[in-house]
All heavy atoms as atom14 arrays in JSON, in Angstrom:
{
  "sequence": "LEEHLFYLSQAYEEQLEVKVIYFKYSRYDEIIGRVMDWSREQQAV",
  "atom14_mask": [
    [1, 1, 1, 1, 1, 1, 1, 1, 0, 0, 0, 0, 0, 0],
    [1, 1, 1, 1, 1, 1, 1, 1, 1, 0, 0, 0, 0, 0],
    [1, 1, 1, 1, 1, 1, 1, 1, 1, 0, 0, 0, 0, 0],
    [1, 1, 1, 1, 1, 1, 1, 1, 1, 1, 0, 0, 0, 0],
    [1, 1, 1, 1, 1, 1, 1, 1, 0, 0, 0, 0, 0, 0],
    [1, 1, 1, 1, 1, 1, 1, 1, 1, 1, 1, 0, 0, 0],
    [1, 1, 1, 1, 1, 1, 1, 1, 1, 1, 1, 1, 0, 0],
    [1, 1, 1, 1, 1, 1, 1, 1, 0, 0, 0, 0, 0, 0],
    [1, 1, 1, 1, 1, 1, 0, 0, 0, 0, 0, 0, 0, 0],
    [1, 1, 1, 1, 1, 1, 1, 1, 1, 0, 0, 0, 0, 0],
    [1, 1, 1, 1, 1, 0, 0, 0, 0, 0, 0, 0, 0, 0],
    [1, 1, 1, 1, 1, 1, 1, 1, 1, 1, 1, 1, 0, 0],
    [1, 1, 1, 1, 1, 1, 1, 1, 1, 0, 0, 0, 0, 0],
    [1, 1, 1, 1, 1, 1, 1, 1, 1, 0, 0, 0, 0, 0],
    [1, 1, 1, 1, 1, 1, 1, 1, 1, 0, 0, 0, 0, 0],
    [1, 1, 1, 1, 1, 1, 1, 1, 0, 0, 0, 0, 0, 0],
    [1, 1, 1, 1, 1, 1, 1, 1, 1, 0, 0, 0, 0, 0],
    [1, 1, 1, 1, 1, 1, 1, 0, 0, 0, 0, 0, 0, 0],
    [1, 1, 1, 1, 1, 1, 1, 1, 1, 0, 0, 0, 0, 0],
    [1, 1, 1, 1, 1, 1, 1, 0, 0, 0, 0, 0, 0, 0],
    [1, 1, 1, 1, 1, 1, 1, 1, 0, 0, 0, 0, 0, 0],
    [1, 1, 1, 1, 1, 1, 1, 1, 1, 1, 1, 1, 0, 0],
    [1, 1, 1, 1, 1, 1, 1, 1, 1, 1, 1, 0, 0, 0],
    [1, 1, 1, 1, 1, 1, 1, 1, 1, 0, 0, 0, 0, 0],
    [1, 1, 1, 1, 1, 1, 1, 1, 1, 1, 1, 1, 0, 0],
    [1, 1, 1, 1, 1, 1, 0, 0, 0, 0, 0, 0, 0, 0],
    [1, 1, 1, 1, 1, 1, 1, 1, 1, 1, 1, 0, 0, 0],
    [1, 1, 1, 1, 1, 1, 1, 1, 1, 1, 1, 1, 0, 0],
    [1, 1, 1, 1, 1, 1, 1, 1, 0, 0, 0, 0, 0, 0],
    [1, 1, 1, 1, 1, 1, 1, 1, 1, 0, 0, 0, 0, 0],
    [1, 1, 1, 1, 1, 1, 1, 1, 0, 0, 0, 0, 0, 0],
    [1, 1, 1, 1, 1, 1, 1, 1, 0, 0, 0, 0, 0, 0],
    [1, 1, 1, 1, 0, 0, 0, 0, 0, 0, 0, 0, 0, 0],
    [1, 1, 1, 1, 1, 1, 1, 1, 1, 1, 1, 0, 0, 0],
    [1, 1, 1, 1, 1, 1, 1, 0, 0, 0, 0, 0, 0, 0],
    [1, 1, 1, 1, 1, 1, 1, 1, 0, 0, 0, 0, 0, 0],
    [1, 1, 1, 1, 1, 1, 1, 1, 0, 0, 0, 0, 0, 0],
    [1, 1, 1, 1, 1, 1, 1, 1, 1, 1, 1, 1, 1, 1],
    [1, 1, 1, 1, 1, 1, 0, 0, 0, 0, 0, 0, 0, 0],
    [1, 1, 1, 1, 1, 1, 1, 1, 1, 1, 1, 0, 0, 0],
    [1, 1, 1, 1, 1, 1, 1, 1, 1, 0, 0, 0, 0, 0],
    [1, 1, 1, 1, 1, 1, 1, 1, 1, 0, 0, 0, 0, 0],
    [1, 1, 1, 1, 1, 1, 1, 1, 1, 0, 0, 0, 0, 0],
    [1, 1, 1, 1, 1, 0, 0, 0, 0, 0, 0, 0, 0, 0],
    [1, 1, 1, 1, 1, 1, 1, 0, 0, 0, 0, 0, 0, 0]
  ],
  "atom14_positions": [
    [[74.14, 97.85, 87.56], [73.68, 97.95, 88.94], [73.91, 96.64, 89.68], [74.39, 96.63, 90.82], [72.21, 98.35, 88.99], [71.62, 98.55, 90.37], [72.34, 99.65, 91.13], [70.14, 98.85, 90.27], [0.0, 0.0, 0.0], [0.0, 0.0, 0.0], [0.0, 0.0, 0.0], [0.0, 0.0, 0.0], [0.0, 0.0, 0.0], [0.0, 0.0, 0.0]],
    [[73.6, 95.53, 89.04], [73.82, 94.21, 89.65], [75.31, 93.99, 89.92], [75.68, 93.45, 90.97], [73.27, 93.1, 88.75], [71.77, 93.04, 88.7], [71.16, 92.67, 90.04], [71.75, 91.84, 90.77], [70.1, 93.23, 90.36], [0.0, 0.0, 0.0], [0.0, 0.0, 0.0], [0.0, 0.0, 0.0], [0.0, 0.0, 0.0], [0.0, 0.0, 0.0]],
    [[76.15, 94.4, 88.99], [77.59, 94.25, 89.17], [78.08, 95.1, 90.35], [78.85, 94.63, 91.19], [78.32, 94.67, 87.89], [79.81, 94.45, 87.93], [80.47, 94.85, 86.62], [79.94, 94.5, 85.56], [81.52, 95.51, 86.69], [0.0, 0.0, 0.0], [0.0, 0.0, 0.0], [0.0, 0.0, 0.0], [0.0, 0.0, 0.0], [0.0, 0.0, 0.0]],
    [[77.61, 96.33, 90.43], [77.98, 97.2, 91.56], [77.54, 96.59, 92.88], [78.3, 96.56, 93.85], [77.37, 98.59, 91.4], [77.91, 99.35, 90.23], [77.29, 100.47, 89.75], [79.0, 99.18, 89.45], [77.97, 100.95, 88.72], [79.0, 100.17, 88.52], [0.0, 0.0, 0.0], [0.0, 0.0, 0.0], [0.0, 0.0, 0.0], [0.0, 0.0, 0.0]],
    [[76.3, 96.1, 92.92], [75.77, 95.5, 94.14], [76.56, 94.26, 94.53], [76.8, 94.01, 95.71], [74.29, 95.16, 93.98], [73.34, 96.35, 93.94], [71.94, 95.9, 93.57], [73.34, 97.07, 95.27], [0.0, 0.0, 0.0], [0.0, 0.0, 0.0], [0.0, 0.0, 0.0], [0.0, 0.0, 0.0], [0.0, 0.0, 0.0], [0.0, 0.0, 0.0]],
    [[76.98, 93.47, 93.54], [77.78, 92.27, 93.82], [79.09, 92.65, 94.5], [79.46, 92.09, 95.53], [78.05, 91.5, 92.52], [78.99, 90.34, 92.7], [78.55, 89.16, 93.28], [80.31, 90.46, 92.3], [79.44, 88.1, 93.46], [81.19, 89.4, 92.47], [80.75, 88.21, 93.05], [0.0, 0.0, 0.0], [0.0, 0.0, 0.0], [0.0, 0.0, 0.0]],
    [[79.81, 93.62, 93.91], [81.1, 94.03, 94.49], [80.92, 94.67, 95.86], [81.71, 94.44, 96.77], [81.83, 94.99, 93.55], [82.39, 94.33, 92.32], [82.17, 94.88, 91.06], [83.14, 93.17, 92.39], [82.68, 94.29, 89.92], [83.65, 92.56, 91.27], [83.42, 93.13, 90.03], [83.93, 92.53, 88.91], [0.0, 0.0, 0.0], [0.0, 0.0, 0.0]],
    [[79.9, 95.5, 96.01], [79.67, 96.15, 97.3], [79.29, 95.16, 98.38], [79.76, 95.25, 99.52], [78.59, 97.23, 97.16], [78.99, 98.46, 96.34], [77.77, 99.32, 96.04], [80.05, 99.27, 97.06], [0.0, 0.0, 0.0], [0.0, 0.0, 0.0], [0.0, 0.0, 0.0], [0.0, 0.0, 0.0], [0.0, 0.0, 0.0], [0.0, 0.0, 0.0]],
    [[78.46, 94.17, 98.05], [78.07, 93.16, 99.05], [79.26, 92.27, 99.4], [79.43, 91.9, 100.56], [76.89, 92.33, 98.56], [77.24, 91.59, 97.42], [0.0, 0.0, 0.0], [0.0, 0.0, 0.0], [0.0, 0.0, 0.0], [0.0, 0.0, 0.0], [0.0, 0.0, 0.0], [0.0, 0.0, 0.0], [0.0, 0.0, 0.0], [0.0, 0.0, 0.0]],
    [[80.08, 91.94, 98.43], [81.29, 91.16, 98.7], [82.24, 91.94, 99.62], [82.78, 91.39, 100.58], [82.0, 90.8, 97.4], [83.22, 89.93, 97.58], [83.89, 89.59, 96.25], [83.46, 90.03, 95.19], [84.95, 88.81, 96.32], [0.0, 0.0, 0.0], [0.0, 0.0, 0.0], [0.0, 0.0, 0.0], [0.0, 0.0, 0.0], [0.0, 0.0, 0.0]],
    [[82.41, 93.22, 99.34], [83.27, 94.06, 100.17], [82.69, 94.19, 101.58], [83.44, 94.2, 102.56], [83.42, 95.44, 99.54], [0.0, 0.0, 0.0], [0.0, 0.0, 0.0], [0.0, 0.0, 0.0], [0.0, 0.0, 0.0], [0.0, 0.0, 0.0], [0.0, 0.0, 0.0], [0.0, 0.0, 0.0], [0.0, 0.0, 0.0], [0.0, 0.0, 0.0]],
    [[81.37, 94.26, 101.7], [80.73, 94.38, 103.01], [80.93, 93.1, 103.83], [81.32, 93.15, 105.0], [79.24, 94.67, 102.83], [78.48, 94.78, 104.12], [78.64, 95.89, 104.94], [77.6, 93.78, 104.52], [77.94, 96.01, 106.13], [76.9, 93.89, 105.7], [77.08, 95.0, 106.51], [76.39, 95.1, 107.69], [0.0, 0.0, 0.0], [0.0, 0.0, 0.0]],
    [[80.7, 91.96, 103.2], [80.82, 90.68, 103.91], [82.25, 90.39, 104.34], [82.48, 89.88, 105.44], [80.31, 89.54, 103.01], [78.82, 89.57, 102.8], [78.36, 88.58, 101.76], [79.2, 87.76, 101.29], [77.18, 88.63, 101.39], [0.0, 0.0, 0.0], [0.0, 0.0, 0.0], [0.0, 0.0, 0.0], [0.0, 0.0, 0.0], [0.0, 0.0, 0.0]],
    [[83.21, 90.72, 103.5], [84.62, 90.41, 103.78], [85.39, 91.6, 104.36], [86.59, 91.5, 104.57], [85.29, 89.89, 102.52], [84.65, 88.63, 101.98], [85.26, 88.15, 100.68], [86.43, 88.52, 100.4], [84.58, 87.42, 99.96], [0.0, 0.0, 0.0], [0.0, 0.0, 0.0], [0.0, 0.0, 0.0], [0.0, 0.0, 0.0], [0.0, 0.0, 0.0]],
    [[84.69, 92.72, 104.58], [85.3, 93.95, 105.1], [86.52, 94.38, 104.28], [87.57, 94.73, 104.81], [85.67, 93.8, 106.58], [84.46, 93.87, 107.49], [83.76, 95.22, 107.39], [84.34, 96.24, 107.7], [82.52, 95.2, 106.94], [0.0, 0.0, 0.0], [0.0, 0.0, 0.0], [0.0, 0.0, 0.0], [0.0, 0.0, 0.0], [0.0, 0.0, 0.0]],
    [[86.34, 94.36, 102.95], [87.39, 94.77, 102.03], [87.24, 96.25, 101.7], [86.14, 96.8, 101.75], [87.31, 93.97, 100.73], [87.45, 92.46, 100.84], [87.14, 91.81, 99.5], [88.83, 92.09, 101.32], [0.0, 0.0, 0.0], [0.0, 0.0, 0.0], [0.0, 0.0, 0.0], [0.0, 0.0, 0.0], [0.0, 0.0, 0.0], [0.0, 0.0, 0.0]],
    [[88.35, 96.87, 101.33], [88.27, 98.25, 100.85], [87.83, 98.25, 99.4], [88.22, 97.37, 98.62], [89.63, 98.94, 100.96], [89.92, 99.47, 102.32], [91.07, 100.47, 102.33], [91.82, 100.54, 101.34], [91.2, 101.16, 103.34], [0.0, 0.0, 0.0], [0.0, 0.0, 0.0], [0.0, 0.0, 0.0], [0.0, 0.0, 0.0], [0.0, 0.0, 0.0]],
    [[87.01, 99.23, 99.06], [86.57, 99.39, 97.69], [86.89, 100.81, 97.23], [86.97, 101.73, 98.03], [85.05, 99.15, 97.51], [84.71, 97.71, 97.72], [84.24, 100.04, 98.41], [0.0, 0.0, 0.0], [0.0, 0.0, 0.0], [0.0, 0.0, 0.0], [0.0, 0.0, 0.0], [0.0, 0.0, 0.0], [0.0, 0.0, 0.0], [0.0, 0.0, 0.0]],
    [[87.1, 100.94, 95.93], [87.23, 102.26, 95.31], [85.97, 102.5, 94.52], [85.61, 101.69, 93.65], [88.46, 102.32, 94.41], [88.62, 103.67, 93.72], [89.94, 103.75, 92.98], [89.71, 103.51, 91.53], [90.91, 103.74, 90.71], [0.0, 0.0, 0.0], [0.0, 0.0, 0.0], [0.0, 0.0, 0.0], [0.0, 0.0, 0.0], [0.0, 0.0, 0.0]],
    [[85.29, 103.58, 94.84], [84.02, 103.91, 94.18], [84.17, 105.26, 93.47], [84.59, 106.24, 94.08], [82.86, 103.97, 95.19], [81.58, 104.4, 94.52], [82.68, 102.63, 95.88], [0.0, 0.0, 0.0], [0.0, 0.0, 0.0], [0.0, 0.0, 0.0], [0.0, 0.0, 0.0], [0.0, 0.0, 0.0], [0.0, 0.0, 0.0], [0.0, 0.0, 0.0]],
    [[83.85, 105.27, 92.2], [83.78, 106.51, 91.44], [82.3, 106.83, 91.3], [81.52, 106.01, 90.82], [84.45, 106.38, 90.07], [85.93, 106.06, 90.25], [84.27, 107.65, 89.24], [86.68, 105.74, 88.98], [0.0, 0.0, 0.0], [0.0, 0.0, 0.0], [0.0, 0.0, 0.0], [0.0, 0.0, 0.0], [0.0, 0.0, 0.0], [0.0, 0.0, 0.0]],
    [[81.91, 108.02, 91.76], [80.5, 108.37, 91.8], [80.29, 109.83, 91.44], [81.2, 110.64, 91.47], [79.89, 108.05, 93.17], [80.45, 108.89, 94.31], [79.71, 109.92, 94.85], [81.71, 108.64, 94.84], [80.21, 110.69, 95.89], [82.22, 109.4, 95.87], [81.47, 110.42, 96.39], [81.97, 111.19, 97.41], [0.0, 0.0, 0.0], [0.0, 0.0, 0.0]],
    [[79.05, 110.14, 91.1], [78.67, 111.48, 90.68], [78.28, 112.29, 91.9], [77.44, 111.89, 92.7], [77.48, 111.38, 89.72], [77.12, 112.67, 89.07], [77.92, 113.21, 88.09], [75.97, 113.35, 89.44], [77.58, 114.4, 87.47], [75.62, 114.54, 88.84], [76.43, 115.07, 87.86], [0.0, 0.0, 0.0], [0.0, 0.0, 0.0], [0.0, 0.0, 0.0]],
    [[78.92, 113.47, 92.06], [78.66, 114.32, 93.21], [78.81, 115.78, 92.79], [79.87, 116.18, 92.32], [79.64, 113.99, 94.33], [79.51, 114.82, 95.57], [80.55, 114.39, 96.6], [80.46, 115.21, 97.84], [81.48, 114.81, 98.82], [0.0, 0.0, 0.0], [0.0, 0.0, 0.0], [0.0, 0.0, 0.0], [0.0, 0.0, 0.0], [0.0, 0.0, 0.0]],
    [[77.76, 116.55, 92.95], [77.78, 117.99, 92.66], [78.28, 118.28, 91.24], [79.2, 119.04, 91.04], [78.62, 118.75, 93.68], [78.19, 118.55, 95.1], [79.09, 118.08, 96.04], [76.89, 118.82, 95.49], [78.7, 117.9, 97.35], [76.49, 118.63, 96.8], [77.41, 118.17, 97.72], [77.02, 117.98, 99.01], [0.0, 0.0, 0.0], [0.0, 0.0, 0.0]],
    [[77.68, 117.65, 90.28], [77.91, 117.86, 88.86], [79.31, 117.49, 88.36], [79.77, 117.97, 87.34], [77.58, 119.31, 88.45], [78.52, 120.21, 88.97], [0.0, 0.0, 0.0], [0.0, 0.0, 0.0], [0.0, 0.0, 0.0], [0.0, 0.0, 0.0], [0.0, 0.0, 0.0], [0.0, 0.0, 0.0], [0.0, 0.0, 0.0], [0.0, 0.0, 0.0]],
    [[80.0, 116.65, 89.1], [81.27, 116.08, 88.61], [81.52, 114.75, 89.31], [80.86, 114.42, 90.28], [82.44, 117.04, 88.82], [82.75, 117.39, 90.25], [83.96, 118.3, 90.35], [84.13, 119.1, 89.19], [84.02, 120.43, 89.13], [83.78, 121.09, 90.22], [84.16, 121.09, 88.0], [0.0, 0.0, 0.0], [0.0, 0.0, 0.0], [0.0, 0.0, 0.0]],
    [[82.46, 113.99, 88.79], [82.76, 112.69, 89.37], [83.8, 112.83, 90.46], [84.73, 113.61, 90.38], [83.26, 111.72, 88.29], [82.13, 111.25, 87.41], [81.91, 111.82, 86.17], [81.26, 110.27, 87.85], [80.86, 111.41, 85.37], [80.21, 109.86, 87.07], [80.02, 110.43, 85.83], [78.98, 110.03, 85.05], [0.0, 0.0, 0.0], [0.0, 0.0, 0.0]],
    [[83.6, 112.05, 91.53], [84.5, 112.03, 92.67], [84.88, 110.58, 92.94], [84.21, 109.66, 92.49], [83.81, 112.65, 93.88], [84.78, 113.11, 94.97], [86.0, 113.01, 94.75], [84.31, 113.55, 96.03], [0.0, 0.0, 0.0], [0.0, 0.0, 0.0], [0.0, 0.0, 0.0], [0.0, 0.0, 0.0], [0.0, 0.0, 0.0], [0.0, 0.0, 0.0]],
    [[85.94, 110.39, 93.7], [86.42, 109.05, 94.01], [86.57, 108.93, 95.52], [87.01, 109.86, 96.19], [87.78, 108.85, 93.34], [88.41, 107.51, 93.6], [89.75, 107.4, 92.89], [89.77, 107.49, 91.65], [90.75, 107.24, 93.6], [0.0, 0.0, 0.0], [0.0, 0.0, 0.0], [0.0, 0.0, 0.0], [0.0, 0.0, 0.0], [0.0, 0.0, 0.0]],
    [[86.17, 107.77, 96.04], [86.33, 107.51, 97.47], [86.82, 106.08, 97.64], [86.41, 105.19, 96.89], [85.0, 107.75, 98.24], [85.2, 107.62, 99.74], [83.92, 106.82, 97.76], [84.0, 108.05, 100.56], [0.0, 0.0, 0.0], [0.0, 0.0, 0.0], [0.0, 0.0, 0.0], [0.0, 0.0, 0.0], [0.0, 0.0, 0.0], [0.0, 0.0, 0.0]],
    [[87.71, 105.89, 98.59], [88.22, 104.56, 98.92], [87.89, 104.32, 100.39], [88.21, 105.14, 101.24], [89.74, 104.46, 98.69], [90.06, 104.68, 97.22], [90.26, 103.11, 99.16], [91.52, 104.76, 96.89], [0.0, 0.0, 0.0], [0.0, 0.0, 0.0], [0.0, 0.0, 0.0], [0.0, 0.0, 0.0], [0.0, 0.0, 0.0], [0.0, 0.0, 0.0]],
    [[87.21, 103.21, 100.65], [86.83, 102.92, 102.03], [86.15, 101.57, 102.15], [86.11, 100.79, 101.21], [0.0, 0.0, 0.0], [0.0, 0.0, 0.0], [0.0, 0.0, 0.0], [0.0, 0.0, 0.0], [0.0, 0.0, 0.0], [0.0, 0.0, 0.0], [0.0, 0.0, 0.0], [0.0, 0.0, 0.0], [0.0, 0.0, 0.0], [0.0, 0.0, 0.0]],
    [[85.61, 101.33, 103.33], [84.91, 100.08, 103.61], [83.4, 100.34, 103.66], [82.96, 101.38, 104.15], [85.36, 99.52, 104.96], [86.81, 99.13, 104.98], [87.15, 98.46, 106.3], [88.58, 98.36, 106.5], [89.37, 97.45, 105.95], [88.85, 96.55, 105.15], [90.65, 97.43, 106.19], [0.0, 0.0, 0.0], [0.0, 0.0, 0.0], [0.0, 0.0, 0.0]],
    [[82.65, 99.37, 103.19], [81.19, 99.47, 103.2], [80.72, 99.26, 104.64], [80.99, 98.21, 105.24], [80.54, 98.44, 102.27], [79.03, 98.53, 102.32], [81.04, 98.61, 100.84], [0.0, 0.0, 0.0], [0.0, 0.0, 0.0], [0.0, 0.0, 0.0], [0.0, 0.0, 0.0], [0.0, 0.0, 0.0], [0.0, 0.0, 0.0], [0.0, 0.0, 0.0]],
    [[80.06, 100.26, 105.2], [79.61, 100.2, 106.59], [78.13, 99.88, 106.74], [77.72, 99.29, 107.72], [79.91, 101.54, 107.3], [81.37, 101.91, 107.32], [82.43, 100.66, 108.07], [81.87, 100.71, 109.75], [0.0, 0.0, 0.0], [0.0, 0.0, 0.0], [0.0, 0.0, 0.0], [0.0, 0.0, 0.0], [0.0, 0.0, 0.0], [0.0, 0.0, 0.0]],
    [[77.32, 100.29, 105.75], [75.88, 100.17, 105.92], [75.19, 100.26, 104.56], [75.74, 100.79, 103.61], [75.37, 101.29, 106.83], [74.04, 100.98, 107.47], [73.52, 99.87, 107.29], [73.5, 101.88, 108.14], [0.0, 0.0, 0.0], [0.0, 0.0, 0.0], [0.0, 0.0, 0.0], [0.0, 0.0, 0.0], [0.0, 0.0, 0.0], [0.0, 0.0, 0.0]],
    [[73.96, 99.73, 104.51], [73.09, 99.8, 103.33], [71.78, 100.45, 103.73], [71.35, 100.3, 104.85], [72.74, 98.41, 102.81], [73.84, 97.58, 102.32], [74.66, 96.8, 103.07], [74.24, 97.41, 100.97], [75.55, 96.17, 102.25], [75.31, 96.51, 100.96], [73.8, 97.94, 99.77], [75.95, 96.12, 99.81], [74.43, 97.54, 98.62], [75.5, 96.65, 98.64]],
    [[71.13, 101.1, 102.8], [69.77, 101.59, 103.02], [68.96, 101.23, 101.78], [69.12, 101.85, 100.73], [69.75, 103.09, 103.26], [68.42, 103.54, 103.3], [0.0, 0.0, 0.0], [0.0, 0.0, 0.0], [0.0, 0.0, 0.0], [0.0, 0.0, 0.0], [0.0, 0.0, 0.0], [0.0, 0.0, 0.0], [0.0, 0.0, 0.0], [0.0, 0.0, 0.0]],
    [[68.09, 100.25, 101.94], [67.25, 99.85, 100.8], [66.23, 100.93, 100.46], [65.92, 101.14, 99.31], [66.55, 98.54, 101.1], [67.51, 97.38, 101.18], [66.79, 96.07, 100.93], [67.68, 94.95, 101.11], [68.42, 94.45, 100.14], [68.4, 94.99, 98.95], [69.21, 93.41, 100.36], [0.0, 0.0, 0.0], [0.0, 0.0, 0.0], [0.0, 0.0, 0.0]],
    [[65.72, 101.63, 101.48], [64.74, 102.68, 101.24], [65.34, 103.82, 100.42], [64.72, 104.35, 99.51], [64.18, 103.25, 102.56], [63.43, 102.27, 103.41], [64.35, 101.46, 104.31], [65.4, 101.97, 104.74], [64.02, 100.29, 104.57], [0.0, 0.0, 0.0], [0.0, 0.0, 0.0], [0.0, 0.0, 0.0], [0.0, 0.0, 0.0], [0.0, 0.0, 0.0]],
    [[66.55, 104.23, 100.78], [67.21, 105.34, 100.09], [68.02, 104.89, 98.88], [68.54, 105.71, 98.15], [68.14, 106.08, 101.05], [67.44, 106.76, 102.18], [68.43, 107.45, 103.11], [69.64, 107.37, 102.93], [67.91, 108.15, 104.09], [0.0, 0.0, 0.0], [0.0, 0.0, 0.0], [0.0, 0.0, 0.0], [0.0, 0.0, 0.0], [0.0, 0.0, 0.0]],
    [[68.13, 103.58, 98.69], [68.96, 103.02, 97.61], [70.36, 103.62, 97.68], [70.88, 104.18, 96.71], [68.32, 103.3, 96.24], [67.05, 102.53, 95.98], [67.34, 101.06, 95.75], [68.16, 100.72, 94.92], [66.69, 100.19, 96.49], [0.0, 0.0, 0.0], [0.0, 0.0, 0.0], [0.0, 0.0, 0.0], [0.0, 0.0, 0.0], [0.0, 0.0, 0.0]],
    [[70.99, 103.49, 98.87], [72.29, 104.09, 99.1], [73.17, 103.17, 99.94], [72.68, 102.27, 100.62], [72.14, 105.44, 99.81], [0.0, 0.0, 0.0], [0.0, 0.0, 0.0], [0.0, 0.0, 0.0], [0.0, 0.0, 0.0], [0.0, 0.0, 0.0], [0.0, 0.0, 0.0], [0.0, 0.0, 0.0], [0.0, 0.0, 0.0], [0.0, 0.0, 0.0]],
    [[74.45, 103.43, 99.86], [75.45, 102.68, 100.63], [76.33, 103.69, 101.36], [76.58, 104.78, 100.86], [76.27, 101.76, 99.69], [77.04, 102.56, 98.66], [77.19, 100.85, 100.46], [0.0, 0.0, 0.0], [0.0, 0.0, 0.0], [0.0, 0.0, 0.0], [0.0, 0.0, 0.0], [0.0, 0.0, 0.0], [0.0, 0.0, 0.0], [0.0, 0.0, 0.0]]
  ]
}
């Protein structure tokens, strides 16, 4: 989790594209994009 947060915060600060592999609807999906926002309450990006 700390490693993910490090890369996501670095991408947010420098407006870099990231590739994220994540769990969605009972299978893994991939998205490539820029980090636009964080939500600490929802623990989401």
